[in-house]
Each structure stands twice: as C-alpha cells, then as structure tokens.
Amino acid sequence: MSKPKIAWQALGNSHYCLSGELERDTVPAFWRQRREWIPQDSKVTLDLSALARVDSAGMVMLLHLYQELSSAGSDLTLLNVPEQLKTLLRLSHVESMLAACIE
C-alpha cells in the first residue's frame, strides 16, 4: 500500500491549491519541506477543495501556515474549506484563529 500524498500547486496570481490527505502521516515531511512551497506573496489564496481528508495534524499545519505567513506580512485566504476541517476547528476551540481568513 502506498503512502498518502499531499501536494501544493501554484495556480497563478497568488492562488494555490492543496490536494491529497493532510494528516499525521503526510504533514511532518511536507512541513519540513515548506521552504520549497511556502509562498512569498503578500496575499495568498489557498483552495482546499481537493483535500480528500484532514485530521488534527493537518489543522495544526494550517494554523502554523497562517502564523508563518502573517509573521512575514502576508494575508491568507482559505477557499472551499472542507466541513471536516470546520468541525475540527470548532471542536478544538480554535476556529476564531482562522475565521478571518476563511471565505
């Protein structure tokens, strides 16, 4: 059985797509390689519609991504946030941290 994959794709004009499974098996290696994929744009739009699965590790990675981009002076907008992620944010009492960037 192959390992689940996570992929970051640049769509142009500061728009990006995250696809695959954003979970405990994929997040550590993906996050360690963030210098290769993390955007340098002042405004970043991230489409999450192609995510097949998100767990709490994926949620934490998105929170760290938000914090890292904010620290660099970038604005993050999340599009097509899966219900699974919205539920995790709500149950973890951290939805307010990303509420301003969810469209």
C-alpha atoms as a PDB file:
ATOM      1  CA  MET A   1       0.000   0.000   0.000  1.00  0.00           C
ATOM      2  CA  SER A   2       1.403   3.398  -0.948  1.00  0.00           C
ATOM      3  CA  LYS A   3       1.772   6.268   1.465  1.00  0.00           C
ATOM      4  CA  PRO A   4      -0.857   9.007   1.299  1.00  0.00           C
ATOM      5  CA  LYS A   5       0.318  12.084  -0.529  1.00  0.00           C
ATOM      6  CA  ILE A   6      -0.132  15.795  -0.103  1.00  0.00           C
ATOM      7  CA  ALA A   7       0.590  18.245  -2.890  1.00  0.00           C
ATOM      8  CA  TRP A   8       0.898  22.014  -3.198  1.00  0.00           C
ATOM      9  CA  GLN A   9       0.190  23.530  -6.600  1.00  0.00           C
ATOM     10  CA  ALA A  10       0.647  27.131  -7.742  1.00  0.00           C
ATOM     11  CA  LEU A  11      -2.296  28.181  -9.913  1.00  0.00           C
ATOM     12  CA  GLY A  12      -1.009  31.706 -10.632  1.00  0.00           C
ATOM     13  CA  ASN A  13      -1.745  35.204  -9.327  1.00  0.00           C
ATOM     14  CA  SER A  14      -1.084  34.207  -5.693  1.00  0.00           C
ATOM     15  CA  HIS A  15      -3.623  31.366  -5.920  1.00  0.00           C
ATOM     16  CA  TYR A  16      -2.614  27.922  -4.688  1.00  0.00           C
ATOM     17  CA  CYS A  17      -4.273  24.539  -4.248  1.00  0.00           C
ATOM     18  CA  LEU A  18      -3.619  21.936  -1.585  1.00  0.00           C
ATOM     19  CA  SER A  19      -4.643  18.406  -2.519  1.00  0.00           C
ATOM     20  CA  GLY A  20      -4.474  14.898  -1.122  1.00  0.00           C
ATOM     21  CA  GLU A  21      -4.577  13.932   2.523  1.00  0.00           C
ATOM     22  CA  LEU A  22      -3.500  16.486   5.088  1.00  0.00           C
ATOM     23  CA  GLU A  23      -2.977  14.177   8.065  1.00  0.00           C
ATOM     24  CA  ARG A  24      -0.480  12.919  10.602  1.00  0.00           C
ATOM     25  CA  ASP A  25       1.220  10.645   8.042  1.00  0.00           C
ATOM     26  CA  THR A  26       1.792  13.420   5.484  1.00  0.00           C
ATOM     27  CA  VAL A  27       2.194  16.627   7.500  1.00  0.00           C
ATOM     28  CA  PRO A  28       5.654  16.160   9.109  1.00  0.00           C
ATOM     29  CA  ALA A  29       7.631  15.609   5.895  1.00  0.00           C
ATOM     30  CA  PHE A  30       5.537  18.160   3.988  1.00  0.00           C
ATOM     31  CA  TRP A  31       6.091  20.828   6.647  1.00  0.00           C
ATOM     32  CA  ARG A  32       9.850  20.146   6.789  1.00  0.00           C
ATOM     33  CA  GLN A  33       9.985  20.935   3.045  1.00  0.00           C
ATOM     34  CA  ARG A  34       7.979  24.161   3.372  1.00  0.00           C
ATOM     35  CA  ARG A  35      10.804  26.345   2.072  1.00  0.00           C
ATOM     36  CA  GLU A  36      10.162  24.736  -1.322  1.00  0.00           C
ATOM     37  CA  TRP A  37       6.439  25.503  -1.421  1.00  0.00           C
ATOM     38  CA  ILE A  38       5.549  28.247   1.035  1.00  0.00           C
ATOM     39  CA  PRO A  39       4.527  31.356  -0.926  1.00  0.00           C
ATOM     40  CA  GLN A  40       6.246  34.714  -0.650  1.00  0.00           C
ATOM     41  CA  ASP A  41       3.246  36.675  -1.974  1.00  0.00           C
ATOM     42  CA  SER A  42       1.708  39.496   0.072  1.00  0.00           C
ATOM     43  CA  LYS A  43      -1.766  37.973  -0.442  1.00  0.00           C
ATOM     44  CA  VAL A  44      -2.180  34.215  -0.635  1.00  0.00           C
ATOM     45  CA  THR A  45      -5.351  32.381  -1.609  1.00  0.00           C
ATOM     46  CA  LEU A  46      -5.355  28.671  -0.795  1.00  0.00           C
ATOM     47  CA  ASP A  47      -8.058  26.414  -2.255  1.00  0.00           C
ATOM     48  CA  LEU A  48      -8.715  23.341  -0.104  1.00  0.00           C
ATOM     49  CA  SER A  49     -11.389  21.752  -2.325  1.00  0.00           C
ATOM     50  CA  ALA A  50      -9.040  18.957  -3.473  1.00  0.00           C
ATOM     51  CA  LEU A  51      -8.310  17.706   0.044  1.00  0.00           C
ATOM     52  CA  ALA A  52      -9.624  14.182   0.487  1.00  0.00           C
ATOM     53  CA  ARG A  53      -9.002  14.122   4.240  1.00  0.00           C
ATOM     54  CA  VAL A  54      -7.911  16.459   7.027  1.00  0.00           C
ATOM     55  CA  ASP A  55      -7.134  15.438  10.603  1.00  0.00           C
ATOM     56  CA  SER A  56      -5.960  17.402  13.642  1.00  0.00           C
ATOM     57  CA  ALA A  57      -2.332  17.366  12.435  1.00  0.00           C
ATOM     58  CA  GLY A  58      -3.473  18.935   9.165  1.00  0.00           C
ATOM     59  CA  MET A  59      -5.470  21.538  11.049  1.00  0.00           C
ATOM     60  CA  VAL A  60      -2.418  22.447  13.142  1.00  0.00           C
ATOM     61  CA  MET A  61      -0.288  22.695   9.989  1.00  0.00           C
ATOM     62  CA  LEU A  62      -2.765  25.188   8.507  1.00  0.00           C
ATOM     63  CA  LEU A  63      -2.678  27.202  11.732  1.00  0.00           C
ATOM     64  CA  HIS A  64       1.136  27.277  11.582  1.00  0.00           C
ATOM     65  CA  LEU A  65       0.999  28.237   7.907  1.00  0.00           C
ATOM     66  CA  TYR A  66      -1.319  31.119   8.793  1.00  0.00           C
ATOM     67  CA  GLN A  67       1.028  32.236  11.575  1.00  0.00           C
ATOM     68  CA  GLU A  68       4.129  31.968   9.392  1.00  0.00           C
ATOM     69  CA  LEU A  69       2.541  33.926   6.548  1.00  0.00           C
ATOM     70  CA  SER A  70       1.201  36.553   8.959  1.00  0.00           C
ATOM     71  CA  SER A  71       4.647  36.969  10.523  1.00  0.00           C
ATOM     72  CA  ALA A  72       6.045  37.550   7.024  1.00  0.00           C
ATOM     73  CA  GLY A  73       3.395  40.219   6.345  1.00  0.00           C
ATOM     74  CA  SER A  74       1.199  38.087   4.081  1.00  0.00           C
ATOM     75  CA  ASP A  75      -2.589  37.763   4.156  1.00  0.00           C
ATOM     76  CA  LEU A  76      -4.053  34.257   3.818  1.00  0.00           C
ATOM     77  CA  THR A  77      -7.490  33.429   2.436  1.00  0.00           C
ATOM     78  CA  LEU A  78      -8.766  29.843   2.605  1.00  0.00           C
ATOM     79  CA  LEU A  79     -11.287  28.806  -0.037  1.00  0.00           C
ATOM     80  CA  ASN A  80     -13.554  25.753  -0.093  1.00  0.00           C
ATOM     81  CA  VAL A  81     -12.750  24.709   3.461  1.00  0.00           C
ATOM     82  CA  PRO A  82     -13.947  21.108   3.972  1.00  0.00           C
ATOM     83  CA  GLU A  83     -16.662  20.544   6.570  1.00  0.00           C
ATOM     84  CA  GLN A  84     -14.334  18.075   8.284  1.00  0.00           C
ATOM     85  CA  LEU A  85     -11.824  20.881   8.898  1.00  0.00           C
ATOM     86  CA  LYS A  86     -14.508  23.324  10.049  1.00  0.00           C
ATOM     87  CA  THR A  87     -15.683  20.722  12.559  1.00  0.00           C
ATOM     88  CA  LEU A  88     -12.134  20.139  13.837  1.00  0.00           C
ATOM     89  CA  LEU A  89     -11.598  23.881  14.253  1.00  0.00           C
ATOM     90  CA  ARG A  90     -14.859  24.229  16.153  1.00  0.00           C
ATOM     91  CA  LEU A  91     -14.254  21.186  18.409  1.00  0.00           C
ATOM     92  CA  SER A  92     -10.721  22.390  19.153  1.00  0.00           C
ATOM     93  CA  HIS A  93     -11.980  25.879  20.020  1.00  0.00           C
ATOM     94  CA  VAL A  94      -9.560  27.483  17.549  1.00  0.00           C
ATOM     95  CA  GLU A  95     -11.941  28.454  14.744  1.00  0.00           C
ATOM     96  CA  SER A  96     -11.590  32.099  15.733  1.00  0.00           C
ATOM     97  CA  MET A  97      -7.888  31.942  14.835  1.00  0.00           C
ATOM     98  CA  LEU A  98      -8.707  31.238  11.182  1.00  0.00           C
ATOM     99  CA  ALA A  99     -12.173  32.780  10.992  1.00  0.00           C
ATOM    100  CA  ALA A 100     -10.930  35.984   9.343  1.00  0.00           C
ATOM    101  CA  CYS A 101      -9.260  34.109   6.509  1.00  0.00           C
ATOM    102  CA  ILE A 102     -11.997  31.558   5.691  1.00  0.00           C
ATOM    103  CA  GLU A 103     -14.123  32.517   2.729  1.00  0.00           C
END
